[in-house]
Amino acid sequence: MSVALMTESEPSSAGHVPVLLAEAVDFLAPRDGGVYVDATFGGGGYSEAILRRSSPGGRVIALDRDRAALRRGDAMVAEHSGRLELVWGSFADLCPHLDGLGVASVDGIVADLGLSSLQLDDPGRGFSFSRDGALDMRFDRSRGPSAADLVNRSSESELADILYHYGEERRARAIAKRIAASRPIGTTRELRGAVVAVTGPKRHGIDPATRTFQALRIAVNDELRALDSLLREGPERLAAGGRLIVVSYHSLEDRAVKRAFRERARPAGSAYRILTKKPVIAGAEEVDENPRARSAKLRVLERVDET
């Protein structure tokens, strides 16, 4: 399916540039009167674009585990009175959230996985090693152990498993051993220091601490389980013609999306079809303007009938 890209620029919240926004919203094809889910509200860029494209009667239900993100959306709620519903919670619980709002089916779901620039740029959140801060990494800071808790309480073998399975870190055992020897670790700088002591400083490509930070963030937020839940329940809540769009940023996520979509579309007479034989990726211009787009992959599943 060819993608007719937007010709008008779409607004986004200051400080965060949504990745593959035009492509995602064009696939979603919002219409007046439709009901859509923005599973990862973040900076609000996707929700804003969907609201504008579905004016005057389209509705968006936006989820986020980060209360700070939802607070930033208050002005958008006021601007689009009655059309935007902000819900504090995970897309892992999509069905309970929709049931609570009395919504049986939706015309589209979009999930931009990973982090927003607003989260990365806040040292107090602990997501980035580029700025020193408390090692937290929780999307929802009111619940569960932080990354510091995980780093300081896990056994060396448990840490190695986390780094290997969630970060695909080849030197997981050596890094875990160094982390254990460096405890207590409470800041992003201290954690990166433990990693670099094993790998050496950055020379080419990505920072050597990237995979370790990714692995801990995934573990802290149970991200892969949440994604599996969305991929299992999301298609069931689509109306005929509705589409589930997922933008992923690393191979663990993309493999899960690709596999789940294939399983849905494979049976003869399936009610679903895949609209992206290959994932949509960002063009050179977008990558130049927003380096975060470099690793993004967009895949789309459509429900073709109600049987």
Protein backbone atom coordinates (compact mmCIF):
# COMPACT_ATOMS: atom_id res chain seq x y z
CA MET A 1 0.00 0.00 0.00
CA SER A 2 1.41 3.37 -0.95
CA VAL A 3 1.41 6.09 1.65
CA ALA A 4 0.06 9.54 0.77
CA LEU A 5 2.14 11.72 3.06
CA MET A 6 0.73 14.81 4.73
CA THR A 7 1.46 18.02 2.90
CA GLU A 8 0.77 20.26 5.87
CA SER A 9 3.07 20.33 8.88
CA GLU A 10 1.57 18.83 12.00
CA PRO A 11 2.04 20.45 15.41
CA SER A 12 3.78 18.76 18.31
CA SER A 13 4.49 19.57 21.92
CA ALA A 14 7.56 21.70 22.47
CA GLY A 15 10.64 19.63 23.23
CA HIS A 16 9.39 16.44 21.59
CA VAL A 17 9.29 15.61 17.89
CA PRO A 18 7.03 12.62 17.10
CA VAL A 19 8.69 9.98 14.93
CA LEU A 20 7.08 8.93 11.61
CA LEU A 21 4.09 11.10 12.47
CA ALA A 22 2.90 11.73 8.91
CA GLU A 23 3.19 8.09 7.92
CA ALA A 24 1.45 6.81 11.05
CA VAL A 25 -1.46 9.22 10.84
CA ASP A 26 -1.90 8.63 7.11
CA PHE A 27 -2.17 4.89 7.73
CA LEU A 28 -4.58 5.53 10.60
CA ALA A 29 -6.73 7.66 8.24
CA PRO A 30 -8.69 9.50 10.97
CA ARG A 31 -12.20 10.58 10.03
CA ASP A 32 -14.92 12.72 11.48
CA GLY A 33 -16.83 10.69 14.05
CA GLY A 34 -14.16 8.04 14.48
CA VAL A 35 -12.79 6.87 17.83
CA TYR A 36 -9.03 6.39 18.15
CA VAL A 37 -6.56 5.31 20.81
CA ASP A 38 -3.18 6.96 21.27
CA ALA A 39 -1.64 4.24 23.42
CA THR A 40 1.43 6.34 24.31
CA PHE A 41 0.42 9.98 24.72
CA GLY A 42 3.92 11.25 25.55
CA GLY A 43 4.33 14.75 24.16
CA GLY A 44 0.88 14.64 22.55
CA GLY A 45 2.02 14.91 18.94
CA TYR A 46 0.07 11.91 17.67
CA SER A 47 -3.08 12.86 19.57
CA GLU A 48 -2.96 16.41 18.24
CA ALA A 49 -2.55 15.23 14.64
CA ILE A 50 -5.39 12.71 14.96
CA LEU A 51 -7.71 15.29 16.48
CA ARG A 52 -7.04 17.73 13.66
CA ARG A 53 -7.49 15.11 10.95
CA SER A 54 -10.76 13.81 12.50
CA SER A 55 -12.29 17.23 13.12
CA PRO A 56 -14.93 18.17 14.04
CA GLY A 57 -16.29 15.00 15.63
CA GLY A 58 -13.41 12.55 16.00
CA ARG A 59 -12.50 11.35 19.47
CA VAL A 60 -9.12 10.34 20.92
CA ILE A 61 -8.53 8.24 24.04
CA ALA A 62 -4.91 8.79 25.08
CA LEU A 63 -3.11 6.55 27.56
CA ASP A 64 0.11 7.11 29.44
CA ARG A 65 1.73 5.67 32.53
CA ASP A 66 3.55 8.95 33.14
CA ARG A 67 1.44 11.42 35.12
CA ALA A 68 3.71 14.29 34.05
CA ALA A 69 2.89 13.60 30.40
CA LEU A 70 -0.83 13.70 31.11
CA ARG A 71 -0.53 16.97 33.03
CA ARG A 72 1.13 18.52 30.00
CA GLY A 73 -1.92 17.48 27.99
CA ASP A 74 -4.40 19.56 30.01
CA ALA A 75 -4.22 22.47 27.56
CA MET A 76 -4.93 20.11 24.66
CA VAL A 77 -7.96 18.73 26.48
CA ALA A 78 -9.29 22.27 26.90
CA GLU A 79 -8.63 23.15 23.26
CA HIS A 80 -10.45 20.08 21.96
CA SER A 81 -13.28 20.10 24.48
CA GLY A 82 -15.05 16.76 24.66
CA ARG A 83 -12.88 15.10 22.02
CA LEU A 84 -9.78 14.12 24.02
CA GLU A 85 -9.83 11.79 27.03
CA LEU A 86 -6.57 11.39 28.97
CA VAL A 87 -6.23 8.13 30.88
CA TRP A 88 -3.53 7.36 33.40
CA GLY A 89 -2.48 3.78 32.80
CA SER A 90 -0.66 1.28 30.64
CA PHE A 91 -1.67 0.03 27.22
CA ALA A 92 -1.20 -3.40 28.76
CA ASP A 93 -4.62 -2.76 30.27
CA LEU A 94 -6.21 -1.43 27.09
CA CYS A 95 -9.40 -3.48 27.37
CA PRO A 96 -10.19 -2.53 30.99
CA HIS A 97 -9.59 1.13 30.13
CA LEU A 98 -11.93 0.99 27.15
CA ASP A 99 -14.53 -0.95 29.11
CA GLY A 100 -14.39 1.68 31.84
CA LEU A 101 -15.19 4.34 29.25
CA GLY A 102 -17.98 2.30 27.71
CA VAL A 103 -16.12 1.89 24.41
CA ALA A 104 -16.68 -1.49 22.74
CA SER A 105 -14.56 -0.92 19.63
CA VAL A 106 -12.31 1.73 18.11
CA ASP A 107 -11.40 2.80 14.59
CA GLY A 108 -7.67 2.79 15.16
CA ILE A 109 -4.86 2.40 17.68
CA VAL A 110 -1.38 3.89 17.44
CA ALA A 111 1.47 3.06 19.81
CA ASP A 112 4.78 4.91 19.60
CA LEU A 113 6.92 2.73 21.86
CA GLY A 114 9.92 3.78 23.87
CA LEU A 115 10.63 7.18 25.38
CA SER A 116 9.71 10.75 24.65
CA SER A 117 12.40 13.39 24.39
CA LEU A 118 10.76 15.09 27.38
CA GLN A 119 11.55 12.05 29.52
CA LEU A 120 15.07 11.68 28.16
CA ASP A 121 15.90 15.33 28.75
CA ASP A 122 14.84 15.28 32.42
CA PRO A 123 17.87 14.21 34.53
CA GLY A 124 15.58 13.38 37.42
CA ARG A 125 14.00 10.53 35.46
CA GLY A 126 17.27 8.64 35.03
CA PHE A 127 16.64 7.44 31.48
CA SER A 128 19.71 8.98 29.88
CA PHE A 129 23.42 8.68 30.63
CA SER A 130 24.13 11.99 28.88
CA ARG A 131 23.00 13.88 32.00
CA ASP A 132 23.73 12.75 35.53
CA GLY A 133 20.69 12.07 37.68
CA ALA A 134 19.01 9.62 40.01
CA LEU A 135 18.78 6.12 38.53
CA ASP A 136 15.00 5.78 38.37
CA MET A 137 13.73 4.85 34.86
CA ARG A 138 10.12 4.23 35.91
CA PHE A 139 7.41 5.49 33.58
CA ASP A 140 5.09 5.51 36.58
CA ARG A 141 7.12 6.83 39.49
CA SER A 142 4.44 5.90 42.02
CA ARG A 143 4.81 2.15 41.50
CA GLY A 144 7.36 -0.61 41.52
CA PRO A 145 11.12 -0.75 42.04
CA SER A 146 13.38 1.78 40.34
CA ALA A 147 16.40 0.95 38.22
CA ALA A 148 18.58 1.68 41.25
CA ASP A 149 16.62 -0.89 43.23
CA LEU A 150 17.11 -3.43 40.46
CA VAL A 151 20.82 -2.71 40.09
CA ASN A 152 21.55 -2.87 43.81
CA ARG A 153 19.28 -5.74 44.87
CA SER A 154 19.60 -8.21 42.00
CA SER A 155 22.19 -10.95 42.04
CA GLU A 156 25.03 -10.81 39.57
CA SER A 157 23.50 -13.63 37.53
CA GLU A 158 20.09 -11.92 37.50
CA LEU A 159 21.69 -8.72 36.23
CA ALA A 160 23.55 -10.62 33.52
CA ASP A 161 20.30 -12.21 32.36
CA ILE A 162 18.57 -8.81 32.21
CA LEU A 163 21.39 -7.27 30.17
CA TYR A 164 21.57 -10.22 27.80
CA HIS A 165 17.87 -10.83 27.20
CA TYR A 166 16.59 -7.22 27.21
CA GLY A 167 19.68 -5.39 25.94
CA GLU A 168 21.17 -8.11 23.73
CA GLU A 169 24.44 -7.15 25.39
CA ARG A 170 27.22 -9.56 24.41
CA ARG A 171 29.35 -8.63 27.41
CA ALA A 172 26.49 -9.02 29.86
CA ARG A 173 28.32 -11.21 32.36
CA ALA A 174 31.40 -8.98 32.56
CA ILE A 175 29.28 -5.83 32.91
CA ALA A 176 27.07 -7.44 35.57
CA LYS A 177 30.17 -8.47 37.50
CA ARG A 178 31.51 -4.92 37.40
CA ILE A 179 28.16 -3.45 38.44
CA ALA A 180 27.99 -5.83 41.41
CA ALA A 181 31.50 -4.85 42.44
CA SER A 182 30.65 -1.13 42.17
CA ARG A 183 27.53 -1.17 44.34
CA PRO A 184 25.84 0.82 45.69
CA ILE A 185 25.02 2.61 42.44
CA GLY A 186 22.52 5.45 42.61
CA THR A 187 23.07 7.68 39.57
CA THR A 188 23.20 7.37 35.81
CA ARG A 189 26.83 8.52 35.78
CA GLU A 190 27.83 5.80 38.23
CA LEU A 191 26.09 3.13 36.17
CA ARG A 192 27.65 4.30 32.93
CA GLY A 193 31.04 4.35 34.65
CA ALA A 194 30.67 0.69 35.59
CA VAL A 195 29.81 -0.21 32.00
CA VAL A 196 32.64 1.81 30.46
CA ALA A 197 35.10 0.21 32.87
CA VAL A 198 34.38 -3.03 31.00
CA THR A 199 33.79 -1.83 27.44
CA GLY A 200 36.06 1.17 27.23
CA PRO A 201 34.86 4.65 26.19
CA LYS A 202 32.76 5.43 23.15
CA ARG A 203 34.72 5.21 19.93
CA HIS A 204 32.34 4.58 17.04
CA GLY A 205 28.58 4.21 16.79
CA ILE A 206 26.36 4.02 19.86
CA ASP A 207 27.52 4.72 23.39
CA PRO A 208 28.68 1.51 25.14
CA ALA A 209 26.13 2.04 27.93
CA THR A 210 23.14 2.16 25.57
CA ARG A 211 22.27 -1.53 25.74
CA THR A 212 22.60 -1.64 29.52
CA PHE A 213 20.29 1.34 29.97
CA GLN A 214 17.81 -0.11 27.49
CA ALA A 215 17.77 -3.46 29.28
CA LEU A 216 17.19 -1.97 32.71
CA ARG A 217 14.44 0.34 31.44
CA ILE A 218 12.63 -2.58 29.80
CA ALA A 219 12.92 -4.65 32.96
CA VAL A 220 11.83 -1.86 35.30
CA ASN A 221 8.71 -1.11 33.24
CA ASP A 222 7.96 -4.68 32.14
CA GLU A 223 7.75 -3.32 28.61
CA LEU A 224 7.73 -6.55 26.63
CA ARG A 225 4.88 -8.02 28.65
CA ALA A 226 2.91 -4.80 28.11
CA LEU A 227 3.59 -4.96 24.38
CA ASP A 228 2.50 -8.59 24.21
CA SER A 229 -0.77 -7.62 25.90
CA LEU A 230 -1.38 -4.80 23.42
CA LEU A 231 -0.64 -7.07 20.47
CA ARG A 232 -3.00 -9.70 21.83
CA GLU A 233 -5.92 -7.49 22.87
CA GLY A 234 -5.63 -4.49 20.57
CA PRO A 235 -6.72 -6.22 17.34
CA GLU A 236 -9.81 -7.60 19.08
CA ARG A 237 -11.03 -4.08 19.84
CA LEU A 238 -10.74 -2.79 16.28
CA ALA A 239 -13.90 -2.10 14.30
CA ALA A 240 -14.04 -3.27 10.67
CA GLY A 241 -11.48 -1.23 8.75
CA GLY A 242 -9.70 -0.25 11.96
CA ARG A 243 -5.92 -0.32 12.10
CA LEU A 244 -3.30 -1.04 14.74
CA ILE A 245 -0.09 0.89 14.14
CA VAL A 246 3.06 0.25 16.15
CA VAL A 247 6.32 2.20 15.98
CA SER A 248 9.18 0.29 17.59
CA TYR A 249 12.80 1.23 18.26
CA HIS A 250 14.75 -1.97 18.85
CA SER A 251 14.82 -5.51 17.56
CA LEU A 252 13.06 -7.10 20.56
CA GLU A 253 10.00 -4.93 20.01
CA ASP A 254 10.00 -5.18 16.24
CA ARG A 255 10.28 -8.98 16.27
CA ALA A 256 7.34 -9.21 18.67
CA VAL A 257 5.20 -6.93 16.46
CA LYS A 258 6.15 -8.73 13.26
CA ARG A 259 5.39 -12.14 14.77
CA ALA A 260 2.07 -11.10 16.29
CA PHE A 261 0.87 -9.47 13.07
CA ARG A 262 1.81 -12.53 11.02
CA GLU A 263 -0.05 -14.84 13.38
CA ARG A 264 -3.17 -12.67 13.10
CA ALA A 265 -3.09 -12.49 9.30
CA ARG A 266 -1.96 -16.04 8.54
CA PRO A 267 -5.11 -18.22 8.91
CA ALA A 268 -7.24 -18.68 5.80
CA GLY A 269 -10.19 -16.32 5.97
CA SER A 270 -8.51 -14.24 8.65
CA ALA A 271 -10.26 -11.05 9.70
CA TYR A 272 -6.90 -9.25 9.55
CA ARG A 273 -4.33 -8.28 6.95
CA ILE A 274 -0.89 -6.70 7.14
CA LEU A 275 -0.55 -3.40 5.29
CA THR A 276 3.24 -3.15 5.63
CA LYS A 277 5.07 -6.06 3.97
CA LYS A 278 8.25 -4.36 5.10
CA PRO A 279 8.41 -1.90 7.99
CA VAL A 280 8.17 1.78 7.15
CA ILE A 281 11.33 3.64 8.18
CA ALA A 282 12.21 7.31 8.40
CA GLY A 283 13.72 9.09 5.43
CA ALA A 284 17.11 10.76 5.50
CA GLU A 285 15.61 14.22 6.03
CA GLU A 286 13.66 13.14 9.13
CA VAL A 287 16.69 11.32 10.56
CA ASP A 288 18.82 14.44 10.07
CA GLU A 289 16.25 16.55 11.90
CA ASN A 290 15.44 13.95 14.55
CA PRO A 291 18.17 11.32 15.16
CA ARG A 292 15.73 9.35 17.35
CA ALA A 293 13.98 8.33 14.14
CA ARG A 294 17.01 6.41 12.90
CA SER A 295 16.01 3.09 14.49
CA ALA A 296 12.22 3.46 14.19
CA LYS A 297 10.15 0.84 12.37
CA LEU A 298 6.44 1.21 11.70
CA ARG A 299 4.12 -1.75 11.07
CA VAL A 300 0.37 -1.78 10.42
CA LEU A 301 -2.35 -4.41 10.90
CA GLU A 302 -5.89 -3.86 9.60
CA ARG A 303 -9.12 -5.57 10.59
CA VAL A 304 -11.00 -6.28 7.37
CA ASP A 305 -14.29 -7.63 8.74
CA GLU A 306 -16.08 -8.54 11.96
CA THR A 307 -16.15 -12.33 11.52
